[in-house]
C-alpha atoms as a PDB file:
ATOM      1  CA  UNK A   1      -1.592  21.817  -8.250  1.00  0.00           C
ATOM      2  CA  UNK A   2      -2.440  19.367  -5.481  1.00  0.00           C
ATOM      3  CA  UNK A   3      -1.734  15.726  -4.773  1.00  0.00           C
ATOM      4  CA  UNK A   4      -4.719  13.655  -5.891  1.00  0.00           C
ATOM      5  CA  UNK A   5      -3.899   9.965  -5.548  1.00  0.00           C
ATOM      6  CA  UNK A   6      -1.350   7.186  -5.792  1.00  0.00           C
ATOM      7  CA  UNK A   7      -2.026   4.207  -8.047  1.00  0.00           C
ATOM      8  CA  UNK A   8      -0.299   0.912  -7.291  1.00  0.00           C
ATOM      9  CA  UNK A   9      -0.110  -1.525 -10.207  1.00  0.00           C
ATOM     10  CA  UNK A  10      -1.039  -5.056  -9.119  1.00  0.00           C
ATOM     11  CA  UNK A  11      -2.104  -8.427 -10.513  1.00  0.00           C
ATOM     12  CA  UNK A  12      -5.393  -8.616  -8.620  1.00  0.00           C
ATOM     13  CA  UNK A  13      -7.057  -5.331  -7.642  1.00  0.00           C
ATOM     14  CA  UNK A  14      -9.784  -6.927  -5.514  1.00  0.00           C
ATOM     15  CA  UNK A  15      -7.220  -8.987  -3.578  1.00  0.00           C
ATOM     16  CA  UNK A  16      -5.109  -5.891  -2.883  1.00  0.00           C
ATOM     17  CA  UNK A  17      -8.162  -3.941  -1.739  1.00  0.00           C
ATOM     18  CA  UNK A  18      -9.188  -6.847   0.519  1.00  0.00           C
ATOM     19  CA  UNK A  19      -5.696  -7.069   1.988  1.00  0.00           C
ATOM     20  CA  UNK A  20      -5.446  -3.330   2.704  1.00  0.00           C
ATOM     21  CA  UNK A  21      -8.881  -3.420   4.342  1.00  0.00           C
ATOM     22  CA  UNK A  22      -7.906  -6.332   6.615  1.00  0.00           C
ATOM     23  CA  UNK A  23      -4.312  -5.325   7.293  1.00  0.00           C
ATOM     24  CA  UNK A  24      -4.706  -1.583   7.738  1.00  0.00           C
ATOM     25  CA  UNK A  25      -8.407  -1.005   8.401  1.00  0.00           C
ATOM     26  CA  UNK A  26      -8.896   1.201   5.327  1.00  0.00           C
ATOM     27  CA  UNK A  27     -12.316   1.455   3.676  1.00  0.00           C
ATOM     28  CA  UNK A  28     -13.054   0.572   0.084  1.00  0.00           C
ATOM     29  CA  UNK A  29     -14.265   3.580  -1.841  1.00  0.00           C
ATOM     30  CA  UNK A  30     -14.696   2.036  -5.263  1.00  0.00           C
ATOM     31  CA  UNK A  31     -14.059  -1.095  -7.320  1.00  0.00           C
ATOM     32  CA  UNK A  32     -14.835  -0.885 -11.031  1.00  0.00           C
ATOM     33  CA  UNK A  33     -17.093  -3.667 -12.304  1.00  0.00           C
ATOM     34  CA  UNK A  34     -14.255  -4.853 -14.582  1.00  0.00           C
ATOM     35  CA  UNK A  35     -12.056  -5.454 -11.545  1.00  0.00           C
ATOM     36  CA  UNK A  36      -9.308  -3.463 -13.246  1.00  0.00           C
ATOM     37  CA  UNK A  37      -9.322  -0.429 -10.944  1.00  0.00           C
ATOM     38  CA  UNK A  38     -10.233   0.278  -7.333  1.00  0.00           C
ATOM     39  CA  UNK A  39      -9.719   2.861  -4.603  1.00  0.00           C
ATOM     40  CA  UNK A  40      -9.458   3.023  -0.827  1.00  0.00           C
ATOM     41  CA  UNK A  41     -10.535   6.045   1.200  1.00  0.00           C
ATOM     42  CA  UNK A  42      -7.520   7.483   3.015  1.00  0.00           C
ATOM     43  CA  UNK A  43      -8.561  11.053   3.797  1.00  0.00           C
ATOM     44  CA  UNK A  44      -8.147  13.848   1.279  1.00  0.00           C
ATOM     45  CA  UNK A  45      -6.332  11.610  -1.230  1.00  0.00           C
ATOM     46  CA  UNK A  46      -7.046   8.118  -2.501  1.00  0.00           C
ATOM     47  CA  UNK A  47      -4.881   5.035  -2.565  1.00  0.00           C
ATOM     48  CA  UNK A  48      -5.803   3.310  -5.806  1.00  0.00           C
ATOM     49  CA  UNK A  49      -4.930   0.014  -7.477  1.00  0.00           C
ATOM     50  CA  UNK A  50      -4.943  -0.847 -11.178  1.00  0.00           C
ATOM     51  CA  UNK A  51      -4.331  -4.150 -12.940  1.00  0.00           C
ATOM     52  CA  UNK A  52      -1.024  -4.509 -14.751  1.00  0.00           C
ATOM     53  CA  UNK A  53      -2.854  -4.782 -18.080  1.00  0.00           C
ATOM     54  CA  UNK A  54      -4.592  -1.429 -17.506  1.00  0.00           C
ATOM     55  CA  UNK A  55      -1.313   0.219 -16.508  1.00  0.00           C
ATOM     56  CA  UNK A  56       0.603  -1.173 -19.477  1.00  0.00           C
ATOM     57  CA  UNK A  57      -2.080  -0.039 -21.912  1.00  0.00           C
ATOM     58  CA  UNK A  58      -2.060   3.454 -20.390  1.00  0.00           C
ATOM     59  CA  UNK A  59       1.743   3.705 -20.396  1.00  0.00           C
ATOM     60  CA  UNK A  60       2.322   2.018 -23.720  1.00  0.00           C
ATOM     61  CA  UNK A  61       5.288   0.129 -22.257  1.00  0.00           C
ATOM     62  CA  UNK A  62       6.291  -2.364 -19.600  1.00  0.00           C
ATOM     63  CA  UNK A  63       7.689  -1.679 -16.117  1.00  0.00           C
ATOM     64  CA  UNK A  64       9.008  -3.564 -13.102  1.00  0.00           C
ATOM     65  CA  UNK A  65       6.047  -4.902 -11.114  1.00  0.00           C
ATOM     66  CA  UNK A  66       6.541  -4.639  -7.347  1.00  0.00           C
ATOM     67  CA  UNK A  67       5.391  -8.219  -6.823  1.00  0.00           C
ATOM     68  CA  UNK A  68       7.896  -9.515  -9.389  1.00  0.00           C
ATOM     69  CA  UNK A  69      10.877  -7.931  -7.644  1.00  0.00           C
ATOM     70  CA  UNK A  70      12.763  -9.852  -4.976  1.00  0.00           C
ATOM     71  CA  UNK A  71      13.434  -6.539  -3.239  1.00  0.00           C
ATOM     72  CA  UNK A  72      11.003  -3.720  -2.499  1.00  0.00           C
ATOM     73  CA  UNK A  73      10.894  -0.979  -5.106  1.00  0.00           C
ATOM     74  CA  UNK A  74      12.420   2.408  -4.276  1.00  0.00           C
ATOM     75  CA  UNK A  75       9.132   3.918  -3.080  1.00  0.00           C
ATOM     76  CA  UNK A  76       6.689   3.394  -0.253  1.00  0.00           C
ATOM     77  CA  UNK A  77       3.151   4.123   0.824  1.00  0.00           C
ATOM     78  CA  UNK A  78       3.099   5.837   4.220  1.00  0.00           C
ATOM     79  CA  UNK A  79       0.228   5.237   6.631  1.00  0.00           C
ATOM     80  CA  UNK A  80       0.046   7.318   9.814  1.00  0.00           C
ATOM     81  CA  UNK A  81      -1.252   5.783  13.051  1.00  0.00           C
ATOM     82  CA  UNK A  82      -1.098   6.467  16.771  1.00  0.00           C
ATOM     83  CA  UNK A  83      -0.118   2.836  17.528  1.00  0.00           C
ATOM     84  CA  UNK A  84       2.588   1.619  15.155  1.00  0.00           C
ATOM     85  CA  UNK A  85       3.178  -1.657  17.008  1.00  0.00           C
ATOM     86  CA  UNK A  86      -0.511  -2.635  16.831  1.00  0.00           C
ATOM     87  CA  UNK A  87      -0.676  -1.667  13.138  1.00  0.00           C
ATOM     88  CA  UNK A  88       2.504  -3.631  12.403  1.00  0.00           C
ATOM     89  CA  UNK A  89       1.192  -6.714  14.235  1.00  0.00           C
ATOM     90  CA  UNK A  90      -2.172  -6.508  12.452  1.00  0.00           C
ATOM     91  CA  UNK A  91      -0.523  -6.216   9.026  1.00  0.00           C
ATOM     92  CA  UNK A  92       1.815  -9.161   9.641  1.00  0.00           C
ATOM     93  CA  UNK A  93      -1.071 -11.268  10.958  1.00  0.00           C
ATOM     94  CA  UNK A  94      -2.998 -10.422   7.749  1.00  0.00           C
ATOM     95  CA  UNK A  95      -0.117 -11.700   5.611  1.00  0.00           C
ATOM     96  CA  UNK A  96       2.344  -8.815   5.204  1.00  0.00           C
ATOM     97  CA  UNK A  97       6.052  -9.555   5.348  1.00  0.00           C
ATOM     98  CA  UNK A  98       7.755  -7.837   8.289  1.00  0.00           C
ATOM     99  CA  UNK A  99      10.568  -5.701   6.882  1.00  0.00           C
ATOM    100  CA  UNK A 100      11.495  -3.590   9.925  1.00  0.00           C
ATOM    101  CA  UNK A 101       9.904  -3.711  13.371  1.00  0.00           C
ATOM    102  CA  UNK A 102       8.810  -0.451  15.019  1.00  0.00           C
ATOM    103  CA  UNK A 103      11.699   1.823  15.984  1.00  0.00           C
ATOM    104  CA  UNK A 104      11.681   5.199  17.709  1.00  0.00           C
ATOM    105  CA  UNK A 105      13.606   7.592  15.458  1.00  0.00           C
ATOM    106  CA  UNK A 106      15.811  10.400  16.832  1.00  0.00           C
ATOM    107  CA  UNK A 107      13.350  12.997  15.526  1.00  0.00           C
ATOM    108  CA  UNK A 108      10.564  11.527  17.707  1.00  0.00           C
ATOM    109  CA  UNK A 109       8.650   9.488  15.155  1.00  0.00           C
ATOM    110  CA  UNK A 110       7.956   5.747  15.504  1.00  0.00           C
ATOM    111  CA  UNK A 111       8.405   3.906  12.190  1.00  0.00           C
ATOM    112  CA  UNK A 112       7.996   0.322  10.924  1.00  0.00           C
ATOM    113  CA  UNK A 113       7.919  -1.281   7.473  1.00  0.00           C
ATOM    114  CA  UNK A 114       5.958  -4.164   5.946  1.00  0.00           C
ATOM    115  CA  UNK A 115       5.742  -5.534   2.434  1.00  0.00           C
ATOM    116  CA  UNK A 116       2.300  -6.494   1.183  1.00  0.00           C
ATOM    117  CA  UNK A 117       1.523  -9.683  -0.774  1.00  0.00           C
ATOM    118  CA  UNK A 118       1.282  -7.574  -3.967  1.00  0.00           C
ATOM    119  CA  UNK A 119       4.831  -6.267  -3.350  1.00  0.00           C
ATOM    120  CA  UNK A 120       3.915  -2.802  -2.080  1.00  0.00           C
ATOM    121  CA  UNK A 121       6.220  -1.435   0.619  1.00  0.00           C
ATOM    122  CA  UNK A 122       4.256   0.263   3.402  1.00  0.00           C
ATOM    123  CA  UNK A 123       5.660   2.505   6.107  1.00  0.00           C
ATOM    124  CA  UNK A 124       3.623   2.567   9.309  1.00  0.00           C
ATOM    125  CA  UNK A 125       4.444   5.643  11.356  1.00  0.00           C
ATOM    126  CA  UNK A 126       3.318   8.145  13.926  1.00  0.00           C
ATOM    127  CA  UNK A 127       2.635  11.696  12.792  1.00  0.00           C
ATOM    128  CA  UNK A 128       5.532  14.119  12.554  1.00  0.00           C
END
């Protein structure tokens, strides 16, 4: 068993891919011609996005969409960077909501949080 990918369910896959490219400097790996599914290159795993309709048809039921919740969902996407402050500033300038400015944690890691326009909570952090 190995970790393959994370799929974030969103209203507009292309818009989420565009935002993650601008805000975090990630590269688009794939966008299906239907616009219903896309992936970003993130190293050995992929960060993927699927339209709500695709997700609901796969699951056979409804769920709480991150963008429909007034509060972030109880999960996050973690992106590791050497310069958390610069990454935080870039994300906010691109349209992310600042949730928590960069803080140096007691264990030596610098951590910040932003919420993307599609509702995804992203942790920006230095490596452990």
